[in-house]
């Protein structure tokens, strides 16, 4: 178990048998394409309205959470 001052060390990218940075970028692109392709297929065969209602509901939930103080409207601002 690591002590309080110790941190887990990431292996050097040169120690890996493949390019980790390129592999990660490929995985992200594949996930984005799958999500976008699924969404486009859904709205071309069905209706766009479920997405509209989902966005409206999400917006209402966020507004309620901000108004009751659960979320801060400035939480994403940098503290720098």
PDB file of N, CA and C in Angstrom:
ATOM      1  N   UNK A   1       0.844  -1.172   0.000  1.00  0.00           N
ATOM      2  CA  UNK A   1       0.000   0.000   0.000  1.00  0.00           C
ATOM      3  C   UNK A   1       0.889   1.234   0.000  1.00  0.00           C
ATOM      4  N   UNK A   2       0.561   2.214  -0.792  1.00  0.00           N
ATOM      5  CA  UNK A   2       1.361   3.426  -0.922  1.00  0.00           C
ATOM      6  C   UNK A   2       1.192   4.299   0.307  1.00  0.00           C
ATOM      7  N   UNK A   3       2.315   4.928   0.697  1.00  0.00           N
ATOM      8  CA  UNK A   3       2.264   5.855   1.815  1.00  0.00           C
ATOM      9  C   UNK A   3       1.591   7.151   1.404  1.00  0.00           C
ATOM     10  N   UNK A   4       1.462   8.041   2.375  1.00  0.00           N
ATOM     11  CA  UNK A   4       0.751   9.294   2.113  1.00  0.00           C
ATOM     12  C   UNK A   4       1.432  10.140   1.052  1.00  0.00           C
ATOM     13  N   UNK A   5       2.757  10.172   1.010  1.00  0.00           N
ATOM     14  CA  UNK A   5       3.472  10.997   0.043  1.00  0.00           C
ATOM     15  C   UNK A   5       3.751  10.306  -1.282  1.00  0.00           C
ATOM     16  N   UNK A   6       3.445   9.007  -1.367  1.00  0.00           N
ATOM     17  CA  UNK A   6       3.740   8.254  -2.587  1.00  0.00           C
ATOM     18  C   UNK A   6       2.579   8.335  -3.567  1.00  0.00           C
ATOM     19  N   UNK A   7       2.924   8.329  -4.832  1.00  0.00           N
ATOM     20  CA  UNK A   7       1.915   8.365  -5.883  1.00  0.00           C
ATOM     21  C   UNK A   7       2.129   7.188  -6.805  1.00  0.00           C
ATOM     22  N   UNK A   8       1.069   6.711  -7.406  1.00  0.00           N
ATOM     23  CA  UNK A   8       1.167   5.632  -8.369  1.00  0.00           C
ATOM     24  C   UNK A   8       1.861   6.151  -9.604  1.00  0.00           C
ATOM     25  N   UNK A   9       2.813   5.422 -10.109  1.00  0.00           N
ATOM     26  CA  UNK A   9       3.592   5.877 -11.256  1.00  0.00           C
ATOM     27  C   UNK A   9       3.073   5.222 -12.531  1.00  0.00           C
ATOM     28  N   UNK A  10       2.846   6.044 -13.552  1.00  0.00           N
ATOM     29  CA  UNK A  10       2.405   5.565 -14.857  1.00  0.00           C
ATOM     30  C   UNK A  10       3.628   5.069 -15.612  1.00  0.00           C
ATOM     31  N   UNK A  11       3.545   3.892 -16.247  1.00  0.00           N
ATOM     32  CA  UNK A  11       4.705   3.407 -16.999  1.00  0.00           C
ATOM     33  C   UNK A  11       5.016   4.321 -18.181  1.00  0.00           C
ATOM     34  N   UNK A  12       6.263   4.363 -18.526  1.00  0.00           N
ATOM     35  CA  UNK A  12       6.696   5.170 -19.662  1.00  0.00           C
ATOM     36  C   UNK A  12       6.052   4.647 -20.940  1.00  0.00           C
ATOM     37  N   UNK A  13       5.585   5.560 -21.811  1.00  0.00           N
ATOM     38  CA  UNK A  13       4.991   5.092 -23.078  1.00  0.00           C
ATOM     39  C   UNK A  13       5.956   4.266 -23.914  1.00  0.00           C
ATOM     40  N   UNK A  14       7.248   4.479 -23.769  1.00  0.00           N
ATOM     41  CA  UNK A  14       8.216   3.707 -24.543  1.00  0.00           C
ATOM     42  C   UNK A  14       8.336   2.281 -24.012  1.00  0.00           C
ATOM     43  N   UNK A  15       7.861   2.019 -22.795  1.00  0.00           N
ATOM     44  CA  UNK A  15       7.926   0.674 -22.228  1.00  0.00           C
ATOM     45  C   UNK A  15       6.779  -0.197 -22.721  1.00  0.00           C
ATOM     46  N   UNK A  16       5.790   0.391 -23.365  1.00  0.00           N
ATOM     47  CA  UNK A  16       4.636  -0.367 -23.842  1.00  0.00           C
ATOM     48  C   UNK A  16       4.903  -0.899 -25.254  1.00  0.00           C
ATOM     49  N   UNK A  17       4.327  -2.061 -25.600  1.00  0.00           N
ATOM     50  CA  UNK A  17       4.558  -2.634 -26.930  1.00  0.00           C
ATOM     51  C   UNK A  17       3.761  -1.949 -28.043  1.00  0.00           C
ATOM     52  N   UNK A  18       3.010  -0.910 -27.725  1.00  0.00           N
ATOM     53  CA  UNK A  18       2.250  -0.172 -28.731  1.00  0.00           C
ATOM     54  C   UNK A  18       2.173   1.284 -28.295  1.00  0.00           C
ATOM     55  N   UNK A  19       1.732   2.139 -29.208  1.00  0.00           N
ATOM     56  CA  UNK A  19       1.628   3.564 -28.930  1.00  0.00           C
ATOM     57  C   UNK A  19       0.327   3.813 -28.163  1.00  0.00           C
ATOM     58  N   UNK A  20       0.428   4.019 -26.862  1.00  0.00           N
ATOM     59  CA  UNK A  20      -0.739   4.187 -26.004  1.00  0.00           C
ATOM     60  C   UNK A  20      -1.552   5.416 -26.396  1.00  0.00           C
ATOM     61  N   UNK A  21      -0.883   6.492 -26.734  1.00  0.00           N
ATOM     62  CA  UNK A  21      -1.577   7.723 -27.103  1.00  0.00           C
ATOM     63  C   UNK A  21      -2.419   7.515 -28.358  1.00  0.00           C
ATOM     64  N   UNK A  22      -1.846   6.879 -29.368  1.00  0.00           N
ATOM     65  CA  UNK A  22      -2.577   6.627 -30.611  1.00  0.00           C
ATOM     66  C   UNK A  22      -3.717   5.628 -30.383  1.00  0.00           C
ATOM     67  N   UNK A  23      -3.459   4.588 -29.575  1.00  0.00           N
ATOM     68  CA  UNK A  23      -4.495   3.609 -29.277  1.00  0.00           C
ATOM     69  C   UNK A  23      -5.684   4.281 -28.599  1.00  0.00           C
ATOM     70  N   UNK A  24      -5.408   5.150 -27.623  1.00  0.00           N
ATOM     71  CA  UNK A  24      -6.472   5.838 -26.901  1.00  0.00           C
ATOM     72  C   UNK A  24      -7.290   6.720 -27.847  1.00  0.00           C
ATOM     73  N   UNK A  25      -6.623   7.440 -28.737  1.00  0.00           N
ATOM     74  CA  UNK A  25      -7.327   8.286 -29.697  1.00  0.00           C
ATOM     75  C   UNK A  25      -8.226   7.452 -30.607  1.00  0.00           C
ATOM     76  N   UNK A  26      -7.761   6.282 -31.025  1.00  0.00           N
ATOM     77  CA  UNK A  26      -8.571   5.398 -31.863  1.00  0.00           C
ATOM     78  C   UNK A  26      -9.802   4.904 -31.111  1.00  0.00           C
ATOM     79  N   UNK A  27      -9.635   4.593 -29.833  1.00  0.00           N
ATOM     80  CA  UNK A  27     -10.765   4.116 -29.034  1.00  0.00           C
ATOM     81  C   UNK A  27     -11.824   5.204 -28.866  1.00  0.00           C
ATOM     82  N   UNK A  28     -11.385   6.419 -28.627  1.00  0.00           N
ATOM     83  CA  UNK A  28     -12.315   7.540 -28.469  1.00  0.00           C
ATOM     84  C   UNK A  28     -13.055   7.795 -29.777  1.00  0.00           C
ATOM     85  N   UNK A  29     -12.327   7.797 -30.896  1.00  0.00           N
ATOM     86  CA  UNK A  29     -12.974   8.009 -32.196  1.00  0.00           C
ATOM     87  C   UNK A  29     -13.993   6.912 -32.489  1.00  0.00           C
ATOM     88  N   UNK A  30     -13.658   5.669 -32.179  1.00  0.00           N
ATOM     89  CA  UNK A  30     -14.579   4.560 -32.425  1.00  0.00           C
ATOM     90  C   UNK A  30     -15.845   4.711 -31.579  1.00  0.00           C
ATOM     91  N   UNK A  31     -15.694   5.091 -30.327  1.00  0.00           N
ATOM     92  CA  UNK A  31     -16.862   5.282 -29.455  1.00  0.00           C
ATOM     93  C   UNK A  31     -17.726   6.441 -29.953  1.00  0.00           C
ATOM     94  N   UNK A  32     -17.092   7.518 -30.375  1.00  0.00           N
ATOM     95  CA  UNK A  32     -17.845   8.668 -30.892  1.00  0.00           C
ATOM     96  C   UNK A  32     -18.603   8.282 -32.157  1.00  0.00           C
ATOM     97  N   UNK A  33     -17.952   7.557 -33.056  1.00  0.00           N
ATOM     98  CA  UNK A  33     -18.602   7.146 -34.302  1.00  0.00           C
ATOM     99  C   UNK A  33     -19.760   6.200 -34.036  1.00  0.00           C
ATOM    100  N   UNK A  34     -19.575   5.273 -33.110  1.00  0.00           N
ATOM    101  CA  UNK A  34     -20.643   4.334 -32.784  1.00  0.00           C
ATOM    102  C   UNK A  34     -21.842   5.089 -32.226  1.00  0.00           C
ATOM    103  N   UNK A  35     -21.588   6.013 -31.314  1.00  0.00           N
ATOM    104  CA  UNK A  35     -22.668   6.793 -30.712  1.00  0.00           C
ATOM    105  C   UNK A  35     -23.374   7.642 -31.766  1.00  0.00           C
ATOM    106  N   UNK A  36     -22.605   8.322 -32.599  1.00  0.00           N
ATOM    107  CA  UNK A  36     -23.188   9.175 -33.629  1.00  0.00           C
ATOM    108  C   UNK A  36     -23.940   8.347 -34.659  1.00  0.00           C
ATOM    109  N   UNK A  37     -23.363   7.231 -35.077  1.00  0.00           N
ATOM    110  CA  UNK A  37     -24.033   6.374 -36.051  1.00  0.00           C
ATOM    111  C   UNK A  37     -25.336   5.809 -35.494  1.00  0.00           C
ATOM    112  N   UNK A  38     -25.326   5.400 -34.234  1.00  0.00           N
ATOM    113  CA  UNK A  38     -26.540   4.870 -33.613  1.00  0.00           C
ATOM    114  C   UNK A  38     -27.609   5.950 -33.532  1.00  0.00           C
ATOM    115  N   UNK A  39     -27.208   7.141 -33.143  1.00  0.00           N
ATOM    116  CA  UNK A  39     -28.153   8.248 -33.025  1.00  0.00           C
ATOM    117  C   UNK A  39     -28.736   8.605 -34.391  1.00  0.00           C
ATOM    118  N   UNK A  40     -27.888   8.701 -35.402  1.00  0.00           N
ATOM    119  CA  UNK A  40     -28.368   9.050 -36.743  1.00  0.00           C
ATOM    120  C   UNK A  40     -29.309   7.972 -37.286  1.00  0.00           C
ATOM    121  N   UNK A  41     -29.004   6.701 -37.047  1.00  0.00           N
ATOM    122  CA  UNK A  41     -29.882   5.627 -37.493  1.00  0.00           C
ATOM    123  C   UNK A  41     -31.223   5.713 -36.777  1.00  0.00           C
ATOM    124  N   UNK A  42     -31.190   5.987 -35.471  1.00  0.00           N
ATOM    125  CA  UNK A  42     -32.428   6.075 -34.701  1.00  0.00           C
ATOM    126  C   UNK A  42     -33.312   7.203 -35.216  1.00  0.00           C
ATOM    127  N   UNK A  43     -32.734   8.406 -35.397  1.00  0.00           N
ATOM    128  CA  UNK A  43     -33.589   9.529 -35.805  1.00  0.00           C
ATOM    129  C   UNK A  43     -34.023   9.425 -37.273  1.00  0.00           C
ATOM    130  N   UNK A  44     -33.287   8.656 -38.078  1.00  0.00           N
ATOM    131  CA  UNK A  44     -33.715   8.507 -39.472  1.00  0.00           C
ATOM    132  C   UNK A  44     -34.828   7.472 -39.605  1.00  0.00           C
ATOM    133  N   UNK A  45     -34.908   6.510 -38.669  1.00  0.00           N
ATOM    134  CA  UNK A  45     -35.952   5.490 -38.741  1.00  0.00           C
ATOM    135  C   UNK A  45     -37.118   5.767 -37.804  1.00  0.00           C
ATOM    136  N   UNK A  46     -36.886   6.549 -36.778  1.00  0.00           N
ATOM    137  CA  UNK A  46     -37.936   6.841 -35.793  1.00  0.00           C
ATOM    138  C   UNK A  46     -38.230   8.334 -35.814  1.00  0.00           C
ATOM    139  N   UNK A  47     -38.198   8.935 -34.647  1.00  0.00           N
ATOM    140  CA  UNK A  47     -38.524  10.343 -34.516  1.00  0.00           C
ATOM    141  C   UNK A  47     -37.425  11.055 -33.722  1.00  0.00           C
ATOM    142  N   UNK A  48     -37.309  12.334 -33.956  1.00  0.00           N
ATOM    143  CA  UNK A  48     -36.349  13.164 -33.233  1.00  0.00           C
ATOM    144  C   UNK A  48     -36.907  13.596 -31.876  1.00  0.00           C
ATOM    145  N   UNK A  49     -38.208  13.423 -31.669  1.00  0.00           N
ATOM    146  CA  UNK A  49     -38.867  13.920 -30.458  1.00  0.00           C
ATOM    147  C   UNK A  49     -38.345  13.326 -29.155  1.00  0.00           C
ATOM    148  N   UNK A  50     -37.986  12.028 -29.069  1.00  0.00           N
ATOM    149  CA  UNK A  50     -37.428  11.542 -27.793  1.00  0.00           C
ATOM    150  C   UNK A  50     -36.174  12.322 -27.376  1.00  0.00           C
ATOM    151  N   UNK A  51     -35.341  12.678 -28.344  1.00  0.00           N
ATOM    152  CA  UNK A  51     -34.147  13.464 -28.044  1.00  0.00           C
ATOM    153  C   UNK A  51     -34.535  14.853 -27.551  1.00  0.00           C
ATOM    154  N   UNK A  52     -35.541  15.456 -28.155  1.00  0.00           N
ATOM    155  CA  UNK A  52     -36.005  16.782 -27.742  1.00  0.00           C
ATOM    156  C   UNK A  52     -36.520  16.732 -26.308  1.00  0.00           C
ATOM    157  N   UNK A  53     -37.354  15.735 -25.999  1.00  0.00           N
ATOM    158  CA  UNK A  53     -37.889  15.621 -24.642  1.00  0.00           C
ATOM    159  C   UNK A  53     -36.794  15.322 -23.628  1.00  0.00           C
ATOM    160  N   UNK A  54     -35.825  14.500 -24.013  1.00  0.00           N
ATOM    161  CA  UNK A  54     -34.696  14.207 -23.126  1.00  0.00           C
ATOM    162  C   UNK A  54     -33.936  15.483 -22.797  1.00  0.00           C
ATOM    163  N   UNK A  55     -33.666  16.317 -23.800  1.00  0.00           N
ATOM    164  CA  UNK A  55     -32.930  17.564 -23.566  1.00  0.00           C
ATOM    165  C   UNK A  55     -33.719  18.543 -22.703  1.00  0.00           C
ATOM    166  N   UNK A  56     -35.021  18.610 -22.929  1.00  0.00           N
ATOM    167  CA  UNK A  56     -35.863  19.491 -22.108  1.00  0.00           C
ATOM    168  C   UNK A  56     -35.863  18.999 -20.659  1.00  0.00           C
ATOM    169  N   UNK A  57     -36.036  17.697 -20.458  1.00  0.00           N
ATOM    170  CA  UNK A  57     -36.050  17.134 -19.103  1.00  0.00           C
ATOM    171  C   UNK A  57     -34.711  17.351 -18.409  1.00  0.00           C
ATOM    172  N   UNK A  58     -33.616  17.141 -19.131  1.00  0.00           N
ATOM    173  CA  UNK A  58     -32.293  17.356 -18.550  1.00  0.00           C
ATOM    174  C   UNK A  58     -32.110  18.820 -18.158  1.00  0.00           C
ATOM    175  N   UNK A  59     -32.555  19.730 -18.998  1.00  0.00           N
ATOM    176  CA  UNK A  59     -32.457  21.147 -18.685  1.00  0.00           C
ATOM    177  C   UNK A  59     -33.252  21.516 -17.447  1.00  0.00           C
ATOM    178  N   UNK A  60     -34.461  20.976 -17.322  1.00  0.00           N
ATOM    179  CA  UNK A  60     -35.294  21.246 -16.142  1.00  0.00           C
ATOM    180  C   UNK A  60     -34.615  20.706 -14.881  1.00  0.00           C
ATOM    181  N   UNK A  61     -34.069  19.494 -14.955  1.00  0.00           N
ATOM    182  CA  UNK A  61     -33.377  18.906 -13.798  1.00  0.00           C
ATOM    183  C   UNK A  61     -32.192  19.770 -13.386  1.00  0.00           C
ATOM    184  N   UNK A  62     -31.409  20.227 -14.339  1.00  0.00           N
ATOM    185  CA  UNK A  62     -30.250  21.069 -14.026  1.00  0.00           C
ATOM    186  C   UNK A  62     -30.690  22.390 -13.409  1.00  0.00           C
ATOM    187  N   UNK A  63     -31.731  23.002 -13.958  1.00  0.00           N
ATOM    188  CA  UNK A  63     -32.231  24.268 -13.404  1.00  0.00           C
ATOM    189  C   UNK A  63     -32.718  24.068 -11.970  1.00  0.00           C
ATOM    190  N   UNK A  64     -33.426  22.987 -11.707  1.00  0.00           N
ATOM    191  CA  UNK A  64     -33.909  22.708 -10.348  1.00  0.00           C
ATOM    192  C   UNK A  64     -32.730  22.484  -9.403  1.00  0.00           C
ATOM    193  N   UNK A  65     -31.738  21.690  -9.817  1.00  0.00           N
ATOM    194  CA  UNK A  65     -30.586  21.417  -8.954  1.00  0.00           C
ATOM    195  C   UNK A  65     -29.793  22.688  -8.654  1.00  0.00           C
ATOM    196  N   UNK A  66     -29.673  23.575  -9.610  1.00  0.00           N
ATOM    197  CA  UNK A  66     -28.973  24.841  -9.376  1.00  0.00           C
ATOM    198  C   UNK A  66     -29.800  25.724  -8.440  1.00  0.00           C
ATOM    199  N   UNK A  67     -31.109  25.764  -8.647  1.00  0.00           N
ATOM    200  CA  UNK A  67     -31.949  26.657  -7.844  1.00  0.00           C
ATOM    201  C   UNK A  67     -32.043  26.220  -6.382  1.00  0.00           C
ATOM    202  N   UNK A  68     -31.942  24.915  -6.101  1.00  0.00           N
ATOM    203  CA  UNK A  68     -31.981  24.466  -4.707  1.00  0.00           C
ATOM    204  C   UNK A  68     -30.594  24.385  -4.080  1.00  0.00           C
ATOM    205  N   UNK A  69     -29.564  24.694  -4.859  1.00  0.00           N
ATOM    206  CA  UNK A  69     -28.209  24.766  -4.319  1.00  0.00           C
ATOM    207  C   UNK A  69     -27.408  23.481  -4.365  1.00  0.00           C
ATOM    208  N   UNK A  70     -27.924  22.447  -4.997  1.00  0.00           N
ATOM    209  CA  UNK A  70     -27.178  21.187  -5.103  1.00  0.00           C
ATOM    210  C   UNK A  70     -26.006  21.351  -6.067  1.00  0.00           C
ATOM    211  N   UNK A  71     -26.227  22.056  -7.165  1.00  0.00           N
ATOM    212  CA  UNK A  71     -25.171  22.349  -8.133  1.00  0.00           C
ATOM    213  C   UNK A  71     -24.838  23.826  -8.080  1.00  0.00           C
ATOM    214  N   UNK A  72     -23.574  24.132  -8.312  1.00  0.00           N
ATOM    215  CA  UNK A  72     -23.152  25.520  -8.378  1.00  0.00           C
ATOM    216  C   UNK A  72     -23.052  25.936  -9.844  1.00  0.00           C
ATOM    217  N   UNK A  73     -23.616  27.098 -10.196  1.00  0.00           N
ATOM    218  CA  UNK A  73     -23.525  27.527 -11.597  1.00  0.00           C
ATOM    219  C   UNK A  73     -22.108  27.911 -11.996  1.00  0.00           C
ATOM    220  N   UNK A  74     -21.211  28.040 -11.017  1.00  0.00           N
ATOM    221  CA  UNK A  74     -19.822  28.422 -11.296  1.00  0.00           C
ATOM    222  C   UNK A  74     -18.844  27.284 -11.052  1.00  0.00           C
ATOM    223  N   UNK A  75     -19.340  26.062 -10.943  1.00  0.00           N
ATOM    224  CA  UNK A  75     -18.486  24.916 -10.600  1.00  0.00           C
ATOM    225  C   UNK A  75     -17.426  24.628 -11.652  1.00  0.00           C
ATOM    226  N   UNK A  76     -17.675  24.908 -12.906  1.00  0.00           N
ATOM    227  CA  UNK A  76     -16.733  24.577 -13.967  1.00  0.00           C
ATOM    228  C   UNK A  76     -15.683  25.661 -14.192  1.00  0.00           C
ATOM    229  N   UNK A  77     -15.833  26.797 -13.536  1.00  0.00           N
ATOM    230  CA  UNK A  77     -14.851  27.873 -13.729  1.00  0.00           C
ATOM    231  C   UNK A  77     -13.545  27.511 -13.055  1.00  0.00           C
ATOM    232  N   UNK A  78     -12.451  27.905 -13.678  1.00  0.00           N
ATOM    233  CA  UNK A  78     -11.144  27.587 -13.122  1.00  0.00           C
ATOM    234  C   UNK A  78     -10.873  28.420 -11.881  1.00  0.00           C
ATOM    235  N   UNK A  79     -10.169  27.838 -10.962  1.00  0.00           N
ATOM    236  CA  UNK A  79      -9.846  28.540  -9.719  1.00  0.00           C
ATOM    237  C   UNK A  79      -8.511  29.245  -9.791  1.00  0.00           C
ATOM    238  N   UNK A  80      -7.874  29.258 -11.000  1.00  0.00           N
ATOM    239  CA  UNK A  80      -6.533  29.801 -11.176  1.00  0.00           C
ATOM    240  C   UNK A  80      -6.487  31.235 -11.089  1.00  0.00           C
TER     241      UNK A  80
END
